[in-house]
Protein backbone atom coordinates (compact mmCIF):
# COMPACT_ATOMS: atom_id res chain seq x y z
CA UNK A 1 0.74 -21.21 -10.52
CA UNK A 2 4.40 -21.30 -11.42
CA UNK A 3 6.74 -20.65 -8.50
CA UNK A 4 9.79 -20.90 -10.73
CA UNK A 5 9.75 -17.16 -11.37
CA UNK A 6 10.68 -16.70 -7.70
CA UNK A 7 14.20 -17.77 -8.65
CA UNK A 8 14.41 -14.65 -10.83
CA UNK A 9 13.30 -12.27 -8.06
CA UNK A 10 15.87 -9.49 -7.88
CA UNK A 11 14.47 -7.55 -4.92
CA UNK A 12 13.34 -9.61 -1.93
CA UNK A 13 11.70 -8.52 1.32
CA UNK A 14 12.00 -10.93 4.25
CA UNK A 15 9.75 -10.52 7.27
CA UNK A 16 10.89 -12.29 10.44
CA UNK A 17 8.29 -12.76 13.16
CA UNK A 18 8.92 -12.69 16.88
CA UNK A 19 8.30 -16.43 17.17
CA UNK A 20 10.87 -17.05 14.44
CA UNK A 21 13.78 -15.45 16.28
CA UNK A 22 12.76 -16.66 19.74
CA UNK A 23 12.12 -20.03 21.35
CA UNK A 24 8.76 -20.99 22.82
CA UNK A 25 9.94 -19.83 26.25
CA UNK A 26 10.74 -16.37 24.85
CA UNK A 27 14.51 -16.81 24.81
CA UNK A 28 16.51 -15.72 21.78
CA UNK A 29 16.93 -18.39 19.08
CA UNK A 30 20.40 -17.16 18.13
CA UNK A 31 21.33 -20.07 15.86
CA UNK A 32 18.08 -19.75 13.91
CA UNK A 33 18.49 -15.99 13.52
CA UNK A 34 22.07 -16.28 12.27
CA UNK A 35 20.99 -19.03 9.88
CA UNK A 36 18.45 -16.68 8.32
CA UNK A 37 21.07 -13.91 8.20
CA UNK A 38 23.38 -16.28 6.30
CA UNK A 39 20.61 -17.02 3.79
CA UNK A 40 19.97 -13.30 3.32
CA UNK A 41 23.71 -12.65 2.91
CA UNK A 42 23.94 -15.38 0.29
CA UNK A 43 21.14 -13.71 -1.66
CA UNK A 44 22.94 -10.37 -1.48
CA UNK A 45 26.18 -11.91 -2.71
CA UNK A 46 24.28 -13.46 -5.63
CA UNK A 47 23.44 -9.93 -6.71
CA UNK A 48 19.93 -9.82 -5.33
CA UNK A 49 18.73 -6.96 -3.15
CA UNK A 50 17.45 -7.87 0.30
CA UNK A 51 15.40 -5.92 2.84
CA UNK A 52 14.51 -7.35 6.24
CA UNK A 53 11.48 -6.34 8.26
CA UNK A 54 12.05 -7.74 11.72
CA UNK A 55 9.87 -8.17 14.75
CA UNK A 56 11.33 -9.18 18.09
CA UNK A 57 12.27 -5.93 19.82
CA UNK A 58 9.50 -6.17 22.42
CA UNK A 59 10.28 -9.84 23.10
CA UNK A 60 14.00 -9.22 23.52
CA UNK A 61 13.31 -6.21 25.73
CA UNK A 62 10.94 -8.25 27.86
CA UNK A 63 13.66 -10.85 28.36
CA UNK A 64 16.27 -8.20 29.20
CA UNK A 65 14.00 -6.48 31.72
CA UNK A 66 12.77 -9.73 33.22
CA UNK A 67 9.09 -8.91 32.66
CA UNK A 68 6.39 -11.58 32.45
CA UNK A 69 2.65 -11.75 31.89
CA UNK A 70 0.44 -9.21 30.16
CA UNK A 71 2.16 -5.88 29.51
CA UNK A 72 0.66 -2.42 29.73
CA UNK A 73 1.29 -0.09 26.78
CA UNK A 74 4.05 1.85 28.58
CA UNK A 75 5.77 -1.43 29.51
CA UNK A 76 5.64 -2.62 25.88
CA UNK A 77 7.18 0.65 24.76
CA UNK A 78 9.92 0.32 27.37
CA UNK A 79 10.59 -3.23 26.18
CA UNK A 80 10.74 -1.99 22.59
CA UNK A 81 13.27 0.72 23.48
CA UNK A 82 15.53 -1.77 25.26
CA UNK A 83 15.04 -4.61 22.81
CA UNK A 84 15.50 -2.60 19.62
CA UNK A 85 19.12 -1.80 20.46
CA UNK A 86 19.83 -5.45 21.18
CA UNK A 87 18.03 -6.62 18.03
CA UNK A 88 19.93 -4.26 15.75
CA UNK A 89 23.24 -5.22 17.31
CA UNK A 90 22.51 -8.87 16.47
CA UNK A 91 21.81 -8.03 12.84
CA UNK A 92 24.80 -5.72 12.58
CA UNK A 93 27.17 -8.32 14.03
CA UNK A 94 25.71 -11.13 11.93
CA UNK A 95 26.00 -9.33 8.61
CA UNK A 96 29.38 -7.79 9.50
CA UNK A 97 30.86 -11.27 9.99
CA UNK A 98 29.73 -12.06 6.45
CA UNK A 99 31.24 -8.91 4.97
CA UNK A 100 28.01 -6.90 4.68
CA UNK A 101 26.68 -3.71 6.27
CA UNK A 102 23.24 -3.48 7.85
CA UNK A 103 21.38 -0.24 8.52
CA UNK A 104 18.34 0.45 10.68
CA UNK A 105 15.12 2.27 9.84
CA UNK A 106 12.38 2.75 12.47
CA UNK A 107 9.04 3.76 10.99
CA UNK A 108 5.59 4.88 12.07
CA UNK A 109 2.37 5.21 10.09
CA UNK A 110 2.96 8.95 9.60
CA UNK A 111 6.02 8.13 7.47
CA UNK A 112 3.59 6.66 4.93
CA UNK A 113 0.70 9.11 5.36
CA UNK A 114 2.66 12.15 4.20
CA UNK A 115 3.45 11.92 0.49
CA UNK A 116 6.76 13.83 0.69
CA UNK A 117 8.02 11.78 3.66
CA UNK A 118 6.93 8.65 1.81
CA UNK A 119 9.03 9.63 -1.23
CA UNK A 120 12.00 10.57 0.96
CA UNK A 121 11.79 7.18 2.67
CA UNK A 122 11.75 5.43 -0.68
CA UNK A 123 14.82 7.41 -1.79
CA UNK A 124 16.67 6.47 1.41
CA UNK A 125 15.96 2.77 0.95
CA UNK A 126 16.93 2.88 -2.72
CA UNK A 127 20.23 4.56 -1.81
CA UNK A 128 20.99 1.96 0.87
CA UNK A 129 20.39 -0.86 -1.60
CA UNK A 130 22.47 0.85 -4.26
CA UNK A 131 25.42 1.03 -1.82
CA UNK A 132 25.10 -2.65 -0.91
CA UNK A 133 23.63 -2.20 2.57
CA UNK A 134 20.91 -4.44 4.00
CA UNK A 135 18.06 -2.36 5.46
CA UNK A 136 16.66 -3.67 8.77
CA UNK A 137 13.20 -2.18 9.19
CA UNK A 138 10.92 -2.16 12.20
CA UNK A 139 8.06 -0.16 13.63
CA UNK A 140 9.14 2.54 16.03
CA UNK A 141 7.32 0.84 18.90
CA UNK A 142 9.04 2.98 21.53
CA UNK A 143 6.92 5.98 20.48
CA UNK A 144 3.96 4.30 18.76
CA UNK A 145 0.63 3.95 20.52
CA UNK A 146 -2.09 2.70 18.18
CA UNK A 147 0.39 0.36 16.51
CA UNK A 148 0.98 -1.55 19.72
CA UNK A 149 -2.75 -1.91 20.29
CA UNK A 150 -3.53 -2.71 16.64
CA UNK A 151 -6.79 -4.34 15.67
CA UNK A 152 -6.55 -5.46 12.03
CA UNK A 153 -9.11 -5.13 9.24
CA UNK A 154 -8.32 -6.50 5.83
CA UNK A 155 -9.77 -3.43 4.07
CA UNK A 156 -7.76 -1.01 6.20
CA UNK A 157 -4.11 -1.75 5.56
CA UNK A 158 -2.80 0.68 8.16
CA UNK A 159 0.18 -1.04 9.66
CA UNK A 160 0.20 -1.79 13.33
CA UNK A 161 2.21 -4.95 12.95
CA UNK A 162 5.31 -5.78 10.98
CA UNK A 163 3.39 -8.07 8.63
CA UNK A 164 1.55 -5.17 7.02
CA UNK A 165 4.64 -2.98 7.24
CA UNK A 166 6.57 -5.57 5.21
CA UNK A 167 3.81 -5.58 2.56
CA UNK A 168 3.92 -1.79 2.30
CA UNK A 169 7.70 -1.86 1.97
CA UNK A 170 7.45 -4.54 -0.75
CA UNK A 171 4.83 -2.50 -2.59
CA UNK A 172 6.60 0.80 -2.15
CA UNK A 173 9.97 -0.50 -3.28
CA UNK A 174 8.59 -2.48 -6.26
CA UNK A 175 9.88 -5.73 -4.76
CA UNK A 176 9.55 -8.96 -6.72
CA UNK A 177 9.03 -11.20 -3.69
CA UNK A 178 7.83 -10.92 -0.09
CA UNK A 179 8.49 -13.87 2.24
CA UNK A 180 6.62 -13.81 5.55
CA UNK A 181 8.47 -16.14 7.92
CA UNK A 182 6.43 -17.48 10.82
CA UNK A 183 6.26 -20.42 13.24
CA UNK A 184 3.95 -22.58 11.10
CA UNK A 185 4.46 -24.22 7.72
CA UNK A 186 2.07 -21.90 5.89
CA UNK A 187 -1.67 -21.31 5.51
CA UNK A 188 -4.04 -24.21 6.17
CA UNK A 189 -7.59 -24.73 4.98
CA UNK A 190 -8.58 -24.81 8.66
CA UNK A 191 -6.89 -23.93 11.92
CA UNK A 192 -4.45 -26.83 12.48
CA UNK A 193 -4.57 -26.23 16.24
CA UNK A 194 -8.24 -27.22 16.25
CA UNK A 195 -8.44 -29.54 13.26
CA UNK A 196 -5.93 -32.38 13.04
CA UNK A 197 -6.91 -33.06 9.41
CA UNK A 198 -6.18 -29.48 8.31
CA UNK A 199 -4.35 -29.33 4.97
CA UNK A 200 -1.57 -26.97 4.00
CA UNK A 201 -2.60 -24.78 1.05
CA UNK A 202 -0.01 -24.60 -1.71
CA UNK A 203 -1.41 -21.52 -3.47
CA UNK A 204 -3.92 -18.77 -2.69
CA UNK A 205 -4.98 -16.21 -5.27
CA UNK A 206 -6.34 -12.79 -4.34
CA UNK A 207 -9.92 -14.12 -4.30
CA UNK A 208 -9.00 -17.08 -2.06
CA UNK A 209 -9.81 -17.39 1.61
CA UNK A 210 -8.66 -19.42 4.58
CA UNK A 211 -9.51 -19.64 8.24
CA UNK A 212 -7.09 -17.68 10.38
CA UNK A 213 -6.61 -16.96 14.03
CA UNK A 214 -4.93 -14.50 16.36
CA UNK A 215 -1.37 -14.75 17.52
CA UNK A 216 -0.77 -17.63 19.90
CA UNK A 217 2.02 -15.66 21.54
CA UNK A 218 1.79 -13.07 24.28
CA UNK A 219 4.45 -11.04 22.48
CA UNK A 220 3.74 -11.18 18.76
CA UNK A 221 0.84 -9.09 17.45
CA UNK A 222 0.39 -10.63 14.03
CA UNK A 223 -1.15 -14.05 13.80
CA UNK A 224 -2.25 -15.55 10.50
CA UNK A 225 -4.96 -12.95 9.90
CA UNK A 226 -2.46 -10.13 9.43
CA UNK A 227 -0.14 -12.35 7.38
CA UNK A 228 -2.97 -13.16 4.98
CA UNK A 229 -3.75 -9.46 4.72
CA UNK A 230 -0.10 -8.59 4.12
CA UNK A 231 0.32 -11.29 1.46
CA UNK A 232 -2.82 -10.06 -0.25
CA UNK A 233 -1.59 -6.43 -0.18
CA UNK A 234 1.70 -7.50 -1.77
CA UNK A 235 -0.05 -9.63 -4.39
CA UNK A 236 -2.42 -6.83 -5.39
CA UNK A 237 0.64 -4.57 -5.74
CA UNK A 238 2.19 -6.94 -8.29
CA UNK A 239 4.57 -8.70 -5.90
CA UNK A 240 4.72 -12.48 -5.33
CA UNK A 241 4.37 -13.46 -1.67
CA UNK A 242 4.96 -16.62 0.36
CA UNK A 243 4.03 -17.46 3.93
CA UNK A 244 6.30 -20.19 5.26
CA UNK A 245 8.10 -21.49 8.33
CA UNK A 246 11.05 -19.53 9.63
CA UNK A 247 11.79 -22.30 12.12
CA UNK A 248 12.44 -25.01 9.54
CA UNK A 249 16.00 -24.56 8.23
CA UNK A 250 15.14 -25.66 4.68
CA UNK A 251 11.92 -23.68 4.20
CA UNK A 252 13.38 -20.34 3.09
CA UNK A 253 16.05 -21.88 0.82
CA UNK A 254 13.32 -24.03 -0.76
CA UNK A 255 11.13 -20.99 -1.39
CA UNK A 256 13.99 -19.04 -2.95
CA UNK A 257 14.84 -22.01 -5.19
CA UNK A 258 11.25 -22.18 -6.46
CA UNK A 259 10.51 -25.47 -4.70
CA UNK A 260 7.18 -26.19 -2.97
CA UNK A 261 7.29 -24.75 0.56
CA UNK A 262 4.76 -22.72 2.46
CA UNK A 263 1.81 -21.04 0.77
CA UNK A 264 2.29 -19.06 -2.45
CA UNK A 265 0.36 -15.88 -3.30
CA UNK A 266 1.07 -15.11 -6.97
CA UNK A 267 1.31 -11.48 -8.01
CA UNK A 268 -1.92 -10.11 -9.45
CA UNK A 269 -1.99 -7.97 -12.53
CA UNK A 270 -1.99 -4.46 -11.09
CA UNK A 271 -2.91 -1.26 -12.91
CA UNK A 272 -1.68 0.92 -10.03
CA UNK A 273 1.42 3.04 -10.49
CA UNK A 274 3.57 3.97 -7.48
CA UNK A 275 1.42 6.97 -6.57
CA UNK A 276 -1.82 5.02 -6.69
CA UNK A 277 -0.25 2.22 -4.67
CA UNK A 278 0.44 4.84 -1.99
CA UNK A 279 -3.23 5.84 -2.09
CA UNK A 280 -4.40 2.21 -2.13
CA UNK A 281 -2.16 0.75 0.55
CA UNK A 282 0.18 3.12 2.35
CA UNK A 283 -1.71 6.16 3.56
CA UNK A 284 -4.13 5.84 6.46
CA UNK A 285 -7.75 6.70 5.51
CA UNK A 286 -9.23 9.60 7.47
CA UNK A 287 -12.87 9.16 6.52
CA UNK A 288 -15.45 7.15 4.59
CA UNK A 289 -17.71 8.28 1.75
CA UNK A 290 -20.78 6.06 1.38
CA UNK A 291 -21.86 5.91 -2.28
CA UNK A 292 -25.19 5.26 -3.93
CA UNK A 293 -25.49 2.53 -6.56
CA UNK A 294 -25.03 4.93 -9.47
CA UNK A 295 -21.79 6.31 -8.06
CA UNK A 296 -20.51 2.79 -7.39
CA UNK A 297 -21.04 1.85 -11.05
CA UNK A 298 -19.47 5.09 -12.26
CA UNK A 299 -16.35 4.72 -10.11
CA UNK A 300 -15.88 0.96 -10.33
CA UNK A 301 -17.07 0.12 -13.84
CA UNK A 302 -16.47 3.31 -15.83
CA UNK A 303 -13.40 4.69 -14.07
CA UNK A 304 -15.18 7.99 -13.43
CA UNK A 305 -14.46 10.61 -10.80
CA UNK A 306 -16.69 10.74 -7.72
CA UNK A 307 -19.22 13.57 -7.74
CA UNK A 308 -20.82 14.90 -4.57
CA UNK A 309 -24.27 13.98 -5.89
CA UNK A 310 -23.35 10.29 -5.64
CA UNK A 311 -22.48 10.40 -1.92
CA UNK A 312 -25.17 9.39 0.58
CA UNK A 313 -23.28 9.84 3.85
CA UNK A 314 -19.86 10.92 5.12
CA UNK A 315 -18.05 9.56 8.16
CA UNK A 316 -14.90 10.95 9.74
CA UNK A 317 -13.08 14.25 10.08
CA UNK A 318 -10.61 14.90 7.26
CA UNK A 319 -8.80 17.77 5.58
CA UNK A 320 -8.39 18.60 1.90
CA UNK A 321 -5.88 16.16 0.38
CA UNK A 322 -6.44 13.41 2.96
CA UNK A 323 -7.11 9.84 1.88
CA UNK A 324 -10.69 8.61 2.25
CA UNK A 325 -12.42 5.31 1.54
CA UNK A 326 -15.39 4.94 -0.80
CA UNK A 327 -17.83 2.18 0.14
CA UNK A 328 -21.12 0.95 -1.26
CA UNK A 329 -24.41 0.69 0.63
CA UNK A 330 -23.38 -2.71 2.00
CA UNK A 331 -20.07 -1.43 3.36
CA UNK A 332 -17.94 -3.05 0.63
CA UNK A 333 -14.78 -1.09 -0.15
CA UNK A 334 -14.89 0.24 -3.73
CA UNK A 335 -11.94 2.62 -3.86
CA UNK A 336 -9.67 4.94 -1.92
CA UNK A 337 -8.80 8.44 -3.00
CA UNK A 338 -7.54 11.91 -2.18
CA UNK A 339 -10.48 14.15 -1.28
CA UNK A 340 -10.78 17.65 -2.79
CA UNK A 341 -12.04 19.48 0.33
CA UNK A 342 -12.35 19.06 4.08
CA UNK A 343 -15.12 17.07 5.79
CA UNK A 344 -17.27 20.09 6.65
CA UNK A 345 -17.22 21.41 3.10
CA UNK A 346 -17.84 17.92 1.72
CA UNK A 347 -20.92 17.45 3.89
CA UNK A 348 -22.33 20.82 2.77
CA UNK A 349 -21.57 19.94 -0.84
CA UNK A 350 -23.39 16.62 -0.55
CA UNK A 351 -26.34 18.53 0.96
CA UNK A 352 -26.44 20.77 -2.13
CA UNK A 353 -24.24 23.69 -1.03
CA UNK A 354 -20.97 23.40 -3.04
CA UNK A 355 -17.80 25.17 -1.87
CA UNK A 356 -16.71 28.40 -3.54
CA UNK A 357 -15.41 27.87 -7.08
CA UNK A 358 -16.93 24.37 -7.18
CA UNK A 359 -19.79 23.32 -9.42
CA UNK A 360 -21.88 20.17 -9.59
CA UNK A 361 -19.68 18.69 -12.34
CA UNK A 362 -16.54 19.11 -10.26
CA UNK A 363 -15.21 16.00 -8.51
CA UNK A 364 -15.19 15.39 -4.78
CA UNK A 365 -12.52 12.76 -5.54
CA UNK A 366 -10.95 12.98 -9.00
CA UNK A 367 -10.20 9.74 -10.84
CA UNK A 368 -6.54 10.77 -11.19
CA UNK A 369 -6.31 10.74 -7.39
CA UNK A 370 -8.17 7.48 -6.89
CA UNK A 371 -7.20 3.80 -6.60
CA UNK A 372 -10.14 1.54 -7.43
CA UNK A 373 -10.15 -1.83 -5.69
CA UNK A 374 -9.03 -4.55 -8.07
CA UNK A 375 -10.75 -7.55 -6.47
CA UNK A 376 -14.45 -6.87 -6.19
CA UNK A 377 -15.18 -10.20 -4.58
CA UNK A 378 -13.43 -9.30 -1.34
CA UNK A 379 -15.14 -7.01 1.18
């Protein structure tokens, strides 16, 4: 796969992990952070657009409050509230010294779930970029709950870590490149902490796989599993992605110059427009429709709408217009879509009692409101 096209990327999303901007003892790695800010500023002055998704608020807040050991949820939120102010001040000062303006956006999952808020957020980010500002984006951990206790699943790209948030931003803003900066050189064929002969993978396509593990830090929530998921989300959205070291001073410049560094996830050919990318990646699913084999073939192979007759079972409690998943009998994700009616009406419809004004040929999920999974080999 040719990395040279990275040099032509006009809109770049950089994700900085907690262990990138801090030392192993949890202290702030100020020189490293400012070095990355200088690289981002150089990109902006070249005429490229840069967005930064930054972790680190909880870690900085922990340091400021002098807390150690495992943190309860309320303590993590307190750390986030204290650390976020400090983190943004660092970015503001760093970019200001280089003649640029940085602006902060704190997001939660609900900002992506609601279509109108999603479009307003996109407009805000586009306006910031148009005026030359550098958006600094983070989860609003001070008020989040499930995000701070996130358990990832590669088929459920609800963000609860800044890795997936960065992928959603890259997808939503039609970015050309997402760079996930971490404390390792990239993705290995095996866990390098357990296998000394593990090899760094140069390229992973959307059907590739690699062994991954949880975060080794007591502060960061990502680990390689969520980075792989985020890179895959970006790739399926038509955006190149790279996972590389944010601790090595040459890694990011090498990536941006198209030189071998980290692990490259080339953009897949995507048939999804912006609205279907929202359905596929941004909005949180509220239920699951389990399809029979005929419905799977109709939806996946023929691009048909989903009829109630093809649904075997319904899980979850959703309202009309919510996003639901469609899975086959083995649990493999087939598609996501906007459901026509609420869960109660859907269950009655599947049982043979259609809602008022609905007939058997009407769709439970219409194909115009559906994003079919592109890579059938992943589950």
